[in-house]
Each structure stands twice: as structure tokens, then as C-alpha cells.
Amino acid sequence: MGMTISKRIRHIRHTLKMSQVEFAKAIHISNGYIAELECEHRKVNDRIVHLISLTFGVNEKWLKTGEGDMFFKAFGEKLQRMVSLFNELPPKFQDYAMQQIEQLLNVTEKKDDPPANTPMETPNDYTAQA
């Protein structure tokens, strides 16, 4: 018998080297819900499939059926590297990285150059470690 959708979700999470808590947080659901999905105590619905696909660059067809590549080629490789690096950071630096990404998105949405000399909030002891 082939891998079920629940097992494919677990496989994605392991490939990204994420805990259930990290994975659930990334797609804005509870870690208990992820645990129940992986143990096949809950049915995987289209909303969950879509969230996983958008968040992690997973091919929806692969997630639903097991056919094709797990990740969209270019997006998947970059995302795997980014998630792996992100997971190596302490939580306070993960927050800082997220803040930087959000500011980059704001800049690209406005299509303006970022204002010069705009200080960005850093973790409390960031400068002490430099």
C-alpha cells in the first residue's frame, strides 16, 4: 500500500526538519491538530492541503495523490534551505528574521526604496554578541 496523505504530511515535516509545533505554527493551526492528522485520527481537508502547499511550496497533487515531485522545483529547494537555516536560529532571532522578511514585503508592496537610516528592532542582546 502506498503512503497516505497523512504520512505525506509527516514526510514533508521531517524533510523540512520541523517539529509538529513549528509546522503547525507555520500554517496557523494547533500542534494537536497536526498530530491528529499525522496519526490519521482526523481527515485532511482541502484547506489544510492548500495551507501546506502555499506555506512550504509543496505540490498539491503530490500531497493529495503521491504523484509528481514533493516540492515545486526552484521554490522547494530555496524553501528547504531557508527553513533549515531558520530552524537553526534561537527563537529570538527567528522573530527578528520574520520581522525582516515582513519589512521586505512592505517595501516591495510600496515599490519604494526603504527609507535610509530606518532602525529595525533587533533581539535585545544582538549588539552585545557582535
N, C-alpha and C. Protein backbone atom coordinates (compact mmCIF):
# COMPACT_ATOMS: atom_id res chain seq x y z
N MET A 1 0.85 -1.20 0.00
CA MET A 1 0.00 0.00 0.00
C MET A 1 0.88 1.24 0.00
N GLY A 2 0.50 2.27 -0.76
CA GLY A 2 1.27 3.50 -0.85
C GLY A 2 1.13 4.36 0.39
N MET A 3 1.89 5.42 0.39
CA MET A 3 1.86 6.36 1.51
C MET A 3 0.55 7.15 1.50
N THR A 4 -0.08 7.27 2.65
CA THR A 4 -1.33 8.04 2.76
C THR A 4 -1.01 9.53 2.82
N ILE A 5 -2.02 10.35 2.65
CA ILE A 5 -1.83 11.80 2.73
C ILE A 5 -1.30 12.19 4.12
N SER A 6 -1.76 11.52 5.14
CA SER A 6 -1.28 11.80 6.50
C SER A 6 0.21 11.51 6.62
N LYS A 7 0.64 10.40 6.02
CA LYS A 7 2.07 10.04 6.05
C LYS A 7 2.89 11.01 5.20
N ARG A 8 2.29 11.52 4.10
CA ARG A 8 2.99 12.50 3.28
C ARG A 8 3.18 13.82 4.04
N ILE A 9 2.19 14.19 4.86
CA ILE A 9 2.33 15.40 5.68
C ILE A 9 3.50 15.22 6.65
N ARG A 10 3.54 14.07 7.28
CA ARG A 10 4.64 13.79 8.21
C ARG A 10 5.99 13.80 7.47
N HIS A 11 5.99 13.23 6.27
CA HIS A 11 7.21 13.19 5.46
C HIS A 11 7.68 14.62 5.12
N ILE A 12 6.76 15.48 4.77
CA ILE A 12 7.10 16.88 4.48
C ILE A 12 7.74 17.51 5.71
N ARG A 13 7.09 17.33 6.85
CA ARG A 13 7.57 17.93 8.10
C ARG A 13 8.98 17.42 8.43
N HIS A 14 9.20 16.13 8.27
CA HIS A 14 10.53 15.57 8.54
C HIS A 14 11.56 16.08 7.54
N THR A 15 11.16 16.19 6.27
CA THR A 15 12.06 16.70 5.24
C THR A 15 12.49 18.13 5.56
N LEU A 16 11.56 18.92 6.08
CA LEU A 16 11.85 20.31 6.44
C LEU A 16 12.52 20.42 7.82
N LYS A 17 12.69 19.27 8.47
CA LYS A 17 13.32 19.22 9.80
C LYS A 17 12.59 20.11 10.81
N MET A 18 11.27 19.98 10.81
CA MET A 18 10.44 20.79 11.70
C MET A 18 9.74 19.88 12.71
N SER A 19 9.54 20.41 13.91
CA SER A 19 8.72 19.71 14.89
C SER A 19 7.25 19.92 14.52
N GLN A 20 6.38 19.16 15.17
CA GLN A 20 4.96 19.36 14.95
C GLN A 20 4.55 20.77 15.36
N VAL A 21 5.13 21.27 16.43
CA VAL A 21 4.81 22.62 16.92
C VAL A 21 5.21 23.66 15.88
N GLU A 22 6.42 23.56 15.34
CA GLU A 22 6.89 24.53 14.35
C GLU A 22 6.05 24.46 13.07
N PHE A 23 5.77 23.25 12.64
CA PHE A 23 4.99 23.06 11.41
C PHE A 23 3.59 23.64 11.58
N ALA A 24 2.95 23.31 12.70
CA ALA A 24 1.60 23.80 12.96
C ALA A 24 1.57 25.32 13.05
N LYS A 25 2.55 25.89 13.73
CA LYS A 25 2.62 27.35 13.88
C LYS A 25 2.75 28.02 12.50
N ALA A 26 3.54 27.42 11.63
CA ALA A 26 3.77 28.00 10.30
C ALA A 26 2.49 28.06 9.47
N ILE A 27 1.58 27.09 9.69
CA ILE A 27 0.33 27.10 8.92
C ILE A 27 -0.86 27.54 9.77
N HIS A 28 -0.56 28.06 10.94
CA HIS A 28 -1.57 28.67 11.82
C HIS A 28 -2.67 27.72 12.28
N ILE A 29 -2.25 26.52 12.68
CA ILE A 29 -3.18 25.59 13.31
C ILE A 29 -2.49 25.04 14.56
N SER A 30 -3.23 24.31 15.38
CA SER A 30 -2.64 23.79 16.62
C SER A 30 -1.77 22.57 16.34
N ASN A 31 -0.76 22.39 17.20
CA ASN A 31 0.11 21.23 17.03
C ASN A 31 -0.66 19.93 17.31
N GLY A 32 -1.68 19.99 18.14
CA GLY A 32 -2.52 18.82 18.39
C GLY A 32 -3.26 18.39 17.13
N TYR A 33 -3.67 19.37 16.34
CA TYR A 33 -4.37 19.09 15.09
C TYR A 33 -3.42 18.38 14.11
N ILE A 34 -2.16 18.86 14.04
CA ILE A 34 -1.17 18.21 13.18
C ILE A 34 -0.94 16.77 13.64
N ALA A 35 -0.81 16.60 14.94
CA ALA A 35 -0.59 15.25 15.48
C ALA A 35 -1.74 14.32 15.08
N GLU A 36 -2.96 14.82 15.19
CA GLU A 36 -4.13 14.00 14.83
C GLU A 36 -4.16 13.70 13.33
N LEU A 37 -3.73 14.66 12.51
CA LEU A 37 -3.67 14.41 11.07
C LEU A 37 -2.64 13.33 10.76
N GLU A 38 -1.46 13.46 11.37
CA GLU A 38 -0.39 12.51 11.09
C GLU A 38 -0.73 11.10 11.57
N CYS A 39 -1.50 11.00 12.64
CA CYS A 39 -1.90 9.69 13.17
C CYS A 39 -3.18 9.18 12.52
N GLU A 40 -3.68 9.93 11.57
CA GLU A 40 -4.90 9.59 10.82
C GLU A 40 -6.14 9.54 11.71
N HIS A 41 -6.14 10.35 12.76
CA HIS A 41 -7.31 10.48 13.62
C HIS A 41 -8.24 11.58 13.11
N ARG A 42 -7.74 12.40 12.19
CA ARG A 42 -8.54 13.43 11.53
C ARG A 42 -8.32 13.31 10.04
N LYS A 43 -9.35 13.68 9.30
CA LYS A 43 -9.25 13.67 7.84
C LYS A 43 -8.58 14.96 7.38
N VAL A 44 -7.71 14.84 6.40
CA VAL A 44 -7.04 16.00 5.82
C VAL A 44 -7.99 16.65 4.83
N ASN A 45 -8.33 17.93 5.09
CA ASN A 45 -9.26 18.61 4.18
C ASN A 45 -8.50 19.50 3.19
N ASP A 46 -9.22 20.02 2.22
CA ASP A 46 -8.59 20.84 1.17
C ASP A 46 -7.94 22.11 1.73
N ARG A 47 -8.49 22.66 2.80
CA ARG A 47 -7.91 23.86 3.41
C ARG A 47 -6.50 23.56 3.92
N ILE A 48 -6.33 22.44 4.59
CA ILE A 48 -5.02 22.05 5.11
C ILE A 48 -4.05 21.81 3.97
N VAL A 49 -4.51 21.11 2.94
CA VAL A 49 -3.66 20.85 1.76
C VAL A 49 -3.19 22.17 1.16
N HIS A 50 -4.10 23.11 1.01
CA HIS A 50 -3.77 24.41 0.42
C HIS A 50 -2.79 25.18 1.30
N LEU A 51 -3.01 25.18 2.61
CA LEU A 51 -2.10 25.88 3.53
C LEU A 51 -0.68 25.30 3.46
N ILE A 52 -0.58 23.99 3.45
CA ILE A 52 0.73 23.34 3.38
C ILE A 52 1.40 23.67 2.06
N SER A 53 0.64 23.62 0.97
CA SER A 53 1.19 23.92 -0.34
C SER A 53 1.72 25.35 -0.42
N LEU A 54 0.91 26.30 0.01
CA LEU A 54 1.32 27.71 -0.06
C LEU A 54 2.49 28.02 0.88
N THR A 55 2.45 27.49 2.07
CA THR A 55 3.46 27.82 3.07
C THR A 55 4.81 27.19 2.76
N PHE A 56 4.80 25.94 2.29
CA PHE A 56 6.05 25.21 2.13
C PHE A 56 6.43 24.90 0.70
N GLY A 57 5.65 25.39 -0.28
CA GLY A 57 5.99 25.14 -1.68
C GLY A 57 5.78 23.69 -2.09
N VAL A 58 4.81 23.04 -1.44
CA VAL A 58 4.53 21.64 -1.73
C VAL A 58 3.56 21.53 -2.89
N ASN A 59 3.84 20.60 -3.76
CA ASN A 59 2.97 20.31 -4.90
C ASN A 59 1.68 19.68 -4.37
N GLU A 60 0.54 20.35 -4.57
CA GLU A 60 -0.74 19.85 -4.07
C GLU A 60 -1.06 18.47 -4.63
N LYS A 61 -0.74 18.23 -5.89
CA LYS A 61 -1.02 16.92 -6.50
C LYS A 61 -0.23 15.83 -5.76
N TRP A 62 1.03 16.10 -5.47
CA TRP A 62 1.82 15.13 -4.72
C TRP A 62 1.23 14.89 -3.34
N LEU A 63 0.85 15.97 -2.68
CA LEU A 63 0.30 15.84 -1.33
C LEU A 63 -0.98 15.00 -1.33
N LYS A 64 -1.84 15.23 -2.32
CA LYS A 64 -3.12 14.50 -2.37
C LYS A 64 -2.96 13.06 -2.86
N THR A 65 -2.08 12.85 -3.86
CA THR A 65 -2.03 11.55 -4.53
C THR A 65 -0.69 10.83 -4.44
N GLY A 66 0.35 11.56 -4.13
CA GLY A 66 1.69 10.96 -4.14
C GLY A 66 2.35 11.01 -5.50
N GLU A 67 1.68 11.59 -6.49
CA GLU A 67 2.22 11.66 -7.85
C GLU A 67 2.98 12.96 -8.07
N GLY A 68 4.10 12.87 -8.79
CA GLY A 68 4.91 14.05 -9.10
C GLY A 68 5.95 14.31 -8.01
N ASP A 69 6.53 15.50 -8.07
CA ASP A 69 7.55 15.90 -7.10
C ASP A 69 6.90 16.45 -5.84
N MET A 70 7.54 16.24 -4.71
CA MET A 70 7.01 16.75 -3.45
C MET A 70 6.95 18.27 -3.46
N PHE A 71 8.02 18.91 -3.89
CA PHE A 71 8.09 20.37 -3.89
C PHE A 71 8.11 20.89 -5.31
N PHE A 72 7.63 22.12 -5.48
CA PHE A 72 7.85 22.80 -6.73
C PHE A 72 9.36 22.98 -6.83
N LYS A 73 9.92 22.70 -7.95
CA LYS A 73 11.38 22.61 -8.10
C LYS A 73 12.16 23.76 -7.45
N ALA A 74 12.19 24.93 -8.06
CA ALA A 74 13.02 26.02 -7.56
C ALA A 74 12.56 26.48 -6.18
N PHE A 75 11.26 26.65 -6.03
CA PHE A 75 10.72 27.13 -4.77
C PHE A 75 11.04 26.17 -3.65
N GLY A 76 10.90 24.89 -3.91
CA GLY A 76 11.14 23.88 -2.89
C GLY A 76 12.57 23.87 -2.40
N GLU A 77 13.52 23.98 -3.32
CA GLU A 77 14.93 23.96 -2.93
C GLU A 77 15.28 25.17 -2.07
N LYS A 78 14.84 26.33 -2.48
CA LYS A 78 15.10 27.54 -1.71
C LYS A 78 14.41 27.48 -0.35
N LEU A 79 13.18 27.02 -0.37
CA LEU A 79 12.42 26.95 0.87
C LEU A 79 13.02 25.94 1.84
N GLN A 80 13.45 24.80 1.34
CA GLN A 80 14.07 23.81 2.21
C GLN A 80 15.30 24.40 2.88
N ARG A 81 16.12 25.09 2.11
CA ARG A 81 17.33 25.71 2.69
C ARG A 81 16.95 26.78 3.71
N MET A 82 15.97 27.62 3.36
CA MET A 82 15.56 28.69 4.26
C MET A 82 15.00 28.12 5.57
N VAL A 83 14.15 27.12 5.47
CA VAL A 83 13.56 26.53 6.68
C VAL A 83 14.64 25.87 7.52
N SER A 84 15.56 25.19 6.89
CA SER A 84 16.64 24.54 7.62
C SER A 84 17.48 25.57 8.38
N LEU A 85 17.84 26.66 7.71
CA LEU A 85 18.61 27.72 8.37
C LEU A 85 17.80 28.38 9.48
N PHE A 86 16.54 28.65 9.20
CA PHE A 86 15.66 29.29 10.18
C PHE A 86 15.55 28.45 11.44
N ASN A 87 15.43 27.15 11.29
CA ASN A 87 15.28 26.26 12.43
C ASN A 87 16.54 26.19 13.29
N GLU A 88 17.68 26.55 12.73
CA GLU A 88 18.92 26.54 13.50
C GLU A 88 19.05 27.79 14.38
N LEU A 89 18.25 28.81 14.12
CA LEU A 89 18.31 30.04 14.89
C LEU A 89 17.60 29.90 16.23
N PRO A 90 18.10 30.59 17.27
CA PRO A 90 17.34 30.65 18.53
C PRO A 90 16.03 31.41 18.28
N PRO A 91 14.99 31.14 19.08
CA PRO A 91 13.67 31.76 18.85
C PRO A 91 13.71 33.28 18.71
N LYS A 92 14.51 33.99 19.51
CA LYS A 92 14.52 35.46 19.42
C LYS A 92 15.06 35.91 18.05
N PHE A 93 15.98 35.16 17.47
CA PHE A 93 16.50 35.51 16.16
C PHE A 93 15.53 35.08 15.06
N GLN A 94 14.74 34.03 15.31
CA GLN A 94 13.69 33.67 14.36
C GLN A 94 12.69 34.81 14.25
N ASP A 95 12.34 35.39 15.40
CA ASP A 95 11.43 36.54 15.40
C ASP A 95 12.02 37.70 14.61
N TYR A 96 13.31 37.95 14.80
CA TYR A 96 13.99 39.02 14.08
C TYR A 96 13.98 38.75 12.57
N ALA A 97 14.25 37.51 12.17
CA ALA A 97 14.25 37.16 10.75
C ALA A 97 12.86 37.37 10.15
N MET A 98 11.83 36.98 10.88
CA MET A 98 10.46 37.19 10.40
C MET A 98 10.16 38.68 10.24
N GLN A 99 10.63 39.47 11.18
CA GLN A 99 10.42 40.92 11.11
C GLN A 99 11.09 41.49 9.86
N GLN A 100 12.28 41.00 9.55
CA GLN A 100 12.99 41.48 8.36
C GLN A 100 12.25 41.10 7.08
N ILE A 101 11.75 39.88 7.02
CA ILE A 101 11.00 39.43 5.85
C ILE A 101 9.74 40.26 5.67
N GLU A 102 9.03 40.52 6.77
CA GLU A 102 7.82 41.33 6.70
C GLU A 102 8.14 42.74 6.21
N GLN A 103 9.25 43.31 6.67
CA GLN A 103 9.63 44.64 6.20
C GLN A 103 9.98 44.62 4.71
N LEU A 104 10.63 43.57 4.25
CA LEU A 104 10.92 43.44 2.82
C LEU A 104 9.63 43.38 2.00
N LEU A 105 8.66 42.65 2.51
CA LEU A 105 7.37 42.57 1.82
C LEU A 105 6.70 43.94 1.77
N ASN A 106 6.75 44.67 2.86
CA ASN A 106 6.17 46.02 2.88
C ASN A 106 6.85 46.92 1.87
N VAL A 107 8.15 46.81 1.76
CA VAL A 107 8.90 47.63 0.81
C VAL A 107 8.52 47.27 -0.62
N THR A 108 8.41 45.98 -0.92
CA THR A 108 8.08 45.59 -2.29
C THR A 108 6.64 45.93 -2.64
N GLU A 109 5.75 45.92 -1.65
CA GLU A 109 4.36 46.30 -1.91
C GLU A 109 4.24 47.78 -2.23
N LYS A 110 5.06 48.59 -1.57
CA LYS A 110 5.03 50.03 -1.80
C LYS A 110 5.83 50.42 -3.03
N LYS A 111 6.70 49.52 -3.48
CA LYS A 111 7.57 49.76 -4.62
C LYS A 111 8.40 51.03 -4.45
N ASP A 112 8.74 51.32 -3.22
CA ASP A 112 9.61 52.44 -2.90
C ASP A 112 10.89 51.89 -2.33
N ASP A 113 11.93 52.70 -2.38
CA ASP A 113 13.16 52.32 -1.71
C ASP A 113 12.94 52.44 -0.22
N PRO A 114 13.54 51.54 0.58
CA PRO A 114 13.38 51.68 2.02
C PRO A 114 14.02 52.98 2.49
N PRO A 115 13.38 53.64 3.44
CA PRO A 115 13.96 54.88 3.94
C PRO A 115 15.33 54.64 4.54
N ALA A 116 16.26 55.51 4.24
CA ALA A 116 17.60 55.38 4.79
C ALA A 116 17.57 55.63 6.29
N ASN A 117 18.46 54.98 6.99
CA ASN A 117 18.61 55.16 8.43
C ASN A 117 17.36 54.82 9.23
N THR A 118 16.54 53.89 8.73
CA THR A 118 15.39 53.44 9.49
C THR A 118 15.84 52.28 10.36
N PRO A 119 15.89 52.49 11.67
CA PRO A 119 16.37 51.39 12.53
C PRO A 119 15.34 50.26 12.57
N MET A 120 15.83 49.05 12.60
CA MET A 120 14.97 47.89 12.70
C MET A 120 15.21 47.29 14.08
N GLU A 121 14.15 46.85 14.70
CA GLU A 121 14.25 46.27 16.03
C GLU A 121 15.06 44.99 15.94
N THR A 122 16.01 44.83 16.85
CA THR A 122 16.83 43.63 16.90
C THR A 122 16.64 42.95 18.25
N PRO A 123 17.00 41.65 18.33
CA PRO A 123 16.90 40.99 19.63
C PRO A 123 17.74 41.75 20.67
N ASN A 124 17.32 41.72 21.91
CA ASN A 124 17.93 42.53 22.97
C ASN A 124 19.44 42.41 23.06
N ASP A 125 19.96 41.20 22.98
CA ASP A 125 21.39 41.05 23.17
C ASP A 125 22.15 40.89 21.86
N TYR A 126 21.54 41.27 20.74
CA TYR A 126 22.19 41.13 19.43
C TYR A 126 23.49 41.94 19.39
N THR A 127 23.43 43.18 19.81
CA THR A 127 24.64 44.01 19.73
C THR A 127 25.68 43.56 20.74
N ALA A 128 25.27 42.97 21.84
CA ALA A 128 26.22 42.50 22.84
C ALA A 128 27.03 41.33 22.32
N GLN A 129 26.47 40.57 21.37
CA GLN A 129 27.19 39.40 20.84
C GLN A 129 28.13 39.78 19.70
N ALA A 130 27.94 40.95 19.13
CA ALA A 130 28.76 41.35 17.97
C ALA A 130 30.17 41.66 18.37
